[in-house]
Protein backbone atom coordinates (compact mmCIF):
# COMPACT_ATOMS: atom_id res chain seq x y z
CA UNK A 1 0.00 0.00 0.00
CA UNK A 2 1.23 3.49 -0.80
CA UNK A 3 2.18 5.59 2.19
CA UNK A 4 -0.34 8.30 1.27
CA UNK A 5 -3.14 5.71 1.11
CA UNK A 6 -2.14 4.22 4.45
CA UNK A 7 -1.99 7.65 6.08
CA UNK A 8 -5.51 8.41 4.83
CA UNK A 9 -6.74 5.05 6.13
CA UNK A 10 -5.18 5.52 9.57
CA UNK A 11 -6.57 9.04 9.88
CA UNK A 12 -10.08 7.97 8.86
CA UNK A 13 -10.07 4.92 11.13
CA UNK A 14 -8.81 6.95 14.08
CA UNK A 15 -11.80 9.27 13.86
CA UNK A 16 -14.31 6.51 13.22
CA UNK A 17 -13.12 4.04 15.80
CA UNK A 18 -12.51 6.75 18.38
CA UNK A 19 -16.07 8.02 17.86
CA UNK A 20 -14.84 11.55 17.28
CA UNK A 21 -15.06 13.40 13.97
CA UNK A 22 -13.01 16.22 15.47
CA UNK A 23 -10.02 14.11 16.46
CA UNK A 24 -6.75 15.23 14.93
CA UNK A 25 -4.13 12.71 13.82
CA UNK A 26 -0.47 13.73 13.78
CA UNK A 27 2.33 11.62 12.29
CA UNK A 28 5.65 12.54 13.87
CA UNK A 29 8.44 11.09 15.98
CA UNK A 30 8.65 7.41 16.94
CA UNK A 31 6.00 7.14 19.65
CA UNK A 32 2.23 7.01 19.89
CA UNK A 33 -0.21 8.55 22.34
CA UNK A 34 -3.34 10.63 22.78
CA UNK A 35 -4.36 13.61 24.87
CA UNK A 36 -8.06 13.07 24.27
CA UNK A 37 -8.34 15.28 21.20
CA UNK A 38 -5.24 14.41 19.17
CA UNK A 39 -3.81 11.00 18.32
CA UNK A 40 -0.05 11.01 17.83
CA UNK A 41 1.28 8.26 15.57
CA UNK A 42 4.87 7.51 14.52
CA UNK A 43 6.09 9.35 11.42
CA UNK A 44 5.63 7.35 8.23
CA UNK A 45 8.65 6.59 6.02
CA UNK A 46 8.92 7.75 2.43
CA UNK A 47 9.05 4.18 1.15
CA UNK A 48 6.20 1.68 1.08
CA UNK A 49 5.71 -0.43 4.20
CA UNK A 50 5.46 -4.20 4.35
CA UNK A 51 2.41 -6.02 5.74
CA UNK A 52 3.90 -6.35 9.22
CA UNK A 53 4.70 -2.64 9.45
CA UNK A 54 1.19 -1.75 8.27
CA UNK A 55 -0.36 -3.96 10.95
CA UNK A 56 1.80 -2.39 13.65
CA UNK A 57 0.58 1.06 12.63
CA UNK A 58 -3.01 -0.17 12.55
CA UNK A 59 -2.37 -1.57 16.02
CA UNK A 60 -1.33 1.87 17.21
CA UNK A 61 -4.59 3.28 15.82
CA UNK A 62 -6.68 0.54 17.46
CA UNK A 63 -4.90 1.19 20.76
CA UNK A 64 -4.97 4.99 20.83
CA UNK A 65 -8.47 5.28 19.34
CA UNK A 66 -9.50 2.61 21.84
CA UNK A 67 -8.52 5.00 24.63
CA UNK A 68 -10.72 7.69 23.08
CA UNK A 69 -13.58 5.22 22.82
CA UNK A 70 -13.36 3.58 26.24
CA UNK A 71 -11.02 5.51 28.56
CA UNK A 72 -11.85 8.72 30.39
CA UNK A 73 -8.75 10.39 28.96
CA UNK A 74 -9.21 13.90 30.50
CA UNK A 75 -9.79 12.35 33.94
CA UNK A 76 -6.77 10.07 33.61
CA UNK A 77 -4.48 12.87 32.37
CA UNK A 78 -5.54 15.02 35.34
CA UNK A 79 -4.76 12.15 37.70
CA UNK A 80 -1.35 11.60 36.09
CA UNK A 81 -0.49 15.27 36.48
CA UNK A 82 -1.36 15.18 40.19
CA UNK A 83 0.51 11.91 40.72
CA UNK A 84 3.61 13.22 38.97
CA UNK A 85 3.55 16.39 41.07
CA UNK A 86 3.22 14.27 44.23
CA UNK A 87 6.08 11.97 43.18
CA UNK A 88 3.93 8.95 42.32
CA UNK A 89 5.23 8.00 38.88
CA UNK A 90 5.00 4.38 39.99
CA UNK A 91 1.25 4.62 40.51
CA UNK A 92 0.90 6.09 37.03
CA UNK A 93 2.92 3.21 35.53
CA UNK A 94 0.74 0.62 37.22
CA UNK A 95 -2.49 2.29 36.16
CA UNK A 96 -1.31 2.74 32.57
CA UNK A 97 -0.60 -0.98 32.33
CA UNK A 98 -3.96 -1.96 33.84
CA UNK A 99 -5.85 0.53 31.67
CA UNK A 100 -4.18 -0.84 28.52
CA UNK A 101 -5.20 -4.41 29.35
CA UNK A 102 -8.75 -3.39 30.28
CA UNK A 103 -9.18 -1.19 27.20
CA UNK A 104 -7.68 -3.60 24.65
CA UNK A 105 -9.99 -6.34 25.85
CA UNK A 106 -12.92 -4.09 25.05
CA UNK A 107 -11.49 -3.20 21.65
CA UNK A 108 -11.01 -6.87 20.72
CA UNK A 109 -14.53 -7.76 21.86
CA UNK A 110 -15.99 -5.07 19.58
CA UNK A 111 -13.76 -5.50 16.54
CA UNK A 112 -12.42 -9.01 16.04
CA UNK A 113 -10.04 -7.83 13.33
CA UNK A 114 -8.23 -5.57 15.76
CA UNK A 115 -6.71 -8.56 17.54
CA UNK A 116 -4.34 -9.21 14.62
CA UNK A 117 -3.20 -5.60 14.64
CA UNK A 118 -2.75 -5.45 18.41
CA UNK A 119 -0.91 -8.76 18.38
CA UNK A 120 1.56 -7.43 15.80
CA UNK A 121 2.05 -4.25 17.83
CA UNK A 122 2.49 -6.16 21.10
CA UNK A 123 4.99 -8.51 19.45
CA UNK A 124 7.03 -5.51 18.31
CA UNK A 125 7.00 -3.95 21.78
CA UNK A 126 7.89 -7.27 23.44
CA UNK A 127 10.81 -7.71 21.09
CA UNK A 128 12.27 -4.43 22.37
CA UNK A 129 11.49 -5.39 25.97
CA UNK A 130 13.18 -8.75 25.55
CA UNK A 131 16.34 -7.11 24.22
CA UNK A 132 16.39 -4.69 27.17
CA UNK A 133 15.73 -7.46 29.70
CA UNK A 134 18.66 -9.49 28.42
CA UNK A 135 20.91 -6.44 28.51
CA UNK A 136 19.78 -5.63 32.06
CA UNK A 137 20.92 -9.08 33.14
CA UNK A 138 19.53 -8.97 36.67
CA UNK A 139 16.50 -10.40 38.40
CA UNK A 140 13.60 -7.96 38.51
CA UNK A 141 12.58 -6.66 41.93
CA UNK A 142 9.21 -7.76 43.32
CA UNK A 143 8.68 -4.40 45.06
CA UNK A 144 9.11 -2.33 41.89
CA UNK A 145 6.15 -0.61 40.25
CA UNK A 146 8.05 -0.90 36.97
CA UNK A 147 8.20 -4.67 37.39
CA UNK A 148 4.52 -4.74 38.36
CA UNK A 149 3.52 -2.78 35.24
CA UNK A 150 5.66 -5.05 33.09
CA UNK A 151 4.11 -8.13 34.70
CA UNK A 152 0.59 -6.80 34.10
CA UNK A 153 1.04 -6.11 30.39
CA UNK A 154 3.10 -9.24 29.73
CA UNK A 155 0.41 -11.39 31.33
CA UNK A 156 -2.75 -9.44 30.49
CA UNK A 157 -2.07 -8.69 26.81
CA UNK A 158 -2.40 -12.36 26.00
CA UNK A 159 -2.12 -12.47 22.20
CA UNK A 160 0.12 -15.51 21.96
CA UNK A 161 3.02 -13.61 20.42
CA UNK A 162 6.26 -15.39 19.60
CA UNK A 163 8.00 -13.54 22.46
CA UNK A 164 5.29 -13.82 25.10
CA UNK A 165 6.41 -16.87 27.05
CA UNK A 166 10.06 -15.83 27.03
CA UNK A 167 9.14 -12.33 28.22
CA UNK A 168 6.86 -13.70 30.96
CA UNK A 169 9.78 -15.81 32.14
CA UNK A 170 11.40 -12.63 33.48
CA UNK A 171 8.48 -11.93 35.84
CA UNK A 172 9.54 -12.75 39.43
CA UNK A 173 7.99 -16.08 40.32
CA UNK A 174 6.41 -14.82 43.53
CA UNK A 175 4.73 -11.94 41.66
CA UNK A 176 3.05 -14.11 39.02
CA UNK A 177 0.05 -15.37 41.05
CA UNK A 178 -0.51 -11.84 42.37
CA UNK A 179 -0.51 -10.49 38.83
CA UNK A 180 -3.24 -12.95 37.89
CA UNK A 181 -5.41 -11.52 40.65
CA UNK A 182 -4.69 -7.93 39.61
CA UNK A 183 -5.80 -8.72 36.07
CA UNK A 184 -8.83 -10.66 37.29
CA UNK A 185 -9.94 -7.54 39.19
CA UNK A 186 -10.34 -5.79 35.82
CA UNK A 187 -13.33 -8.02 35.06
CA UNK A 188 -15.43 -5.90 37.40
CA UNK A 189 -14.20 -2.55 36.06
CA UNK A 190 -16.73 -0.51 34.08
CA UNK A 191 -14.63 2.60 33.47
CA UNK A 192 -11.25 4.25 33.98
CA UNK A 193 -12.23 5.34 37.47
CA UNK A 194 -12.67 1.69 38.47
CA UNK A 195 -9.31 0.77 36.92
CA UNK A 196 -7.64 3.53 38.95
CA UNK A 197 -9.00 1.98 42.14
CA UNK A 198 -7.42 -1.34 41.18
CA UNK A 199 -4.12 0.46 40.49
CA UNK A 200 -4.19 2.00 43.97
CA UNK A 201 -4.64 -1.45 45.49
CA UNK A 202 -1.72 -2.86 43.51
CA UNK A 203 0.47 0.09 44.55
CA UNK A 204 -0.41 -0.40 48.20
CA UNK A 205 0.27 -4.13 47.87
CA UNK A 206 3.84 -3.37 46.78
CA UNK A 207 4.28 -1.31 49.95
CA UNK A 208 2.60 -3.79 52.30
CA UNK A 209 4.11 -6.92 50.79
CA UNK A 210 7.35 -6.02 48.94
CA UNK A 211 8.43 -9.65 48.63
CA UNK A 212 5.02 -10.87 47.35
CA UNK A 213 4.69 -13.43 50.15
CA UNK A 214 1.03 -12.84 50.99
CA UNK A 215 -1.85 -14.95 49.71
CA UNK A 216 -2.81 -13.71 46.22
CA UNK A 217 -6.42 -14.67 46.92
CA UNK A 218 -6.53 -11.89 49.54
CA UNK A 219 -6.20 -9.15 46.90
CA UNK A 220 -9.96 -8.36 46.78
CA UNK A 221 -9.65 -7.23 50.43
CA UNK A 222 -6.51 -5.17 49.79
CA UNK A 223 -6.87 -1.51 50.75
CA UNK A 224 -5.97 1.03 48.11
CA UNK A 225 -3.25 3.63 48.47
CA UNK A 226 -4.79 6.84 49.84
CA UNK A 227 -1.95 9.36 49.74
CA UNK A 228 -1.67 9.91 45.99
CA UNK A 229 -2.81 13.54 45.99
CA UNK A 230 -1.73 14.77 49.42
CA UNK A 231 0.98 17.23 50.28
CA UNK A 232 4.50 15.85 50.47
CA UNK A 233 4.95 14.01 53.74
CA UNK A 234 1.22 13.98 54.55
CA UNK A 235 -0.30 10.51 54.63
CA UNK A 236 2.72 9.00 52.87
CA UNK A 237 4.01 5.49 53.54
CA UNK A 238 6.74 5.17 56.13
CA UNK A 239 10.14 6.62 55.25
CA UNK A 240 12.17 4.30 53.09
CA UNK A 241 9.23 2.45 51.59
CA UNK A 242 8.83 4.66 48.55
CA UNK A 243 11.56 6.49 46.64
CA UNK A 244 11.47 9.87 44.91
CA UNK A 245 10.05 8.34 41.72
CA UNK A 246 7.09 6.84 43.53
CA UNK A 247 8.50 3.32 43.44
CA UNK A 248 8.91 1.17 46.54
CA UNK A 249 12.58 1.21 47.55
CA UNK A 250 15.19 -0.99 45.87
CA UNK A 251 13.05 -0.99 42.73
CA UNK A 252 15.81 -2.41 40.60
CA UNK A 253 13.78 -3.93 37.81
CA UNK A 254 13.77 -1.93 34.59
CA UNK A 255 12.01 -4.19 32.09
CA UNK A 256 12.08 -1.84 29.13
CA UNK A 257 14.53 0.47 27.46
CA UNK A 258 14.03 4.21 27.11
CA UNK A 259 10.82 5.56 28.61
CA UNK A 260 8.09 5.71 25.97
CA UNK A 261 9.08 2.59 24.06
CA UNK A 262 5.68 1.02 24.74
CA UNK A 263 2.33 1.76 23.21
CA UNK A 264 1.78 5.01 25.04
CA UNK A 265 -1.34 6.40 26.63
């Protein structure tokens, strides 16, 4: 397909699938994302793309337009701003992972053809993650929000990619049954607000049980983190439990390369 034809298709599908005629589509850079009114997609090359590359780009559209269709993007962006200002980047990472799993499930249930596109996109992202994991060369920390987010997407975005099982092998063994419960909790979520409540519970779990030694079946009774929007030092976990990035201390696991390599919000 010619690049101009593909660009027209992606632009049209973004508006249609996102249920917004006013949505703007911008092709620039190497990442994808949305702010609720504009969908940012990677810049297209001058040469024609192969089938795999086309599906990856369609996967980006299905993902970002899926956020417009199902996520409360303005609400989420406002939350992220407050969390970042309060030093809770870790809470944002966990929610972003949970929201992606929750949203993509809805997209696939509505449009069966989107699964192929999202699978191709996920396989591309996992390939980069796998390379970074091997370069990192250390066991991922069970008390890291980065590891938790990685565990959620690697387990929840279950498309049967060629990298999936190898990538999941890097999830700390003790965290795996907990991750299953975190993902199961998404079954009862009706909107982004509900997903945020699950994220708060996961975040608090990392503080309460940094070694993942508790019973995973107890997660439904887990209290959610309540200090995400308070002044610094007010209602925060005990000193030493959370670092300046919002991650529980000794959060050594860095499962991906440069920030932004994933699908984006």
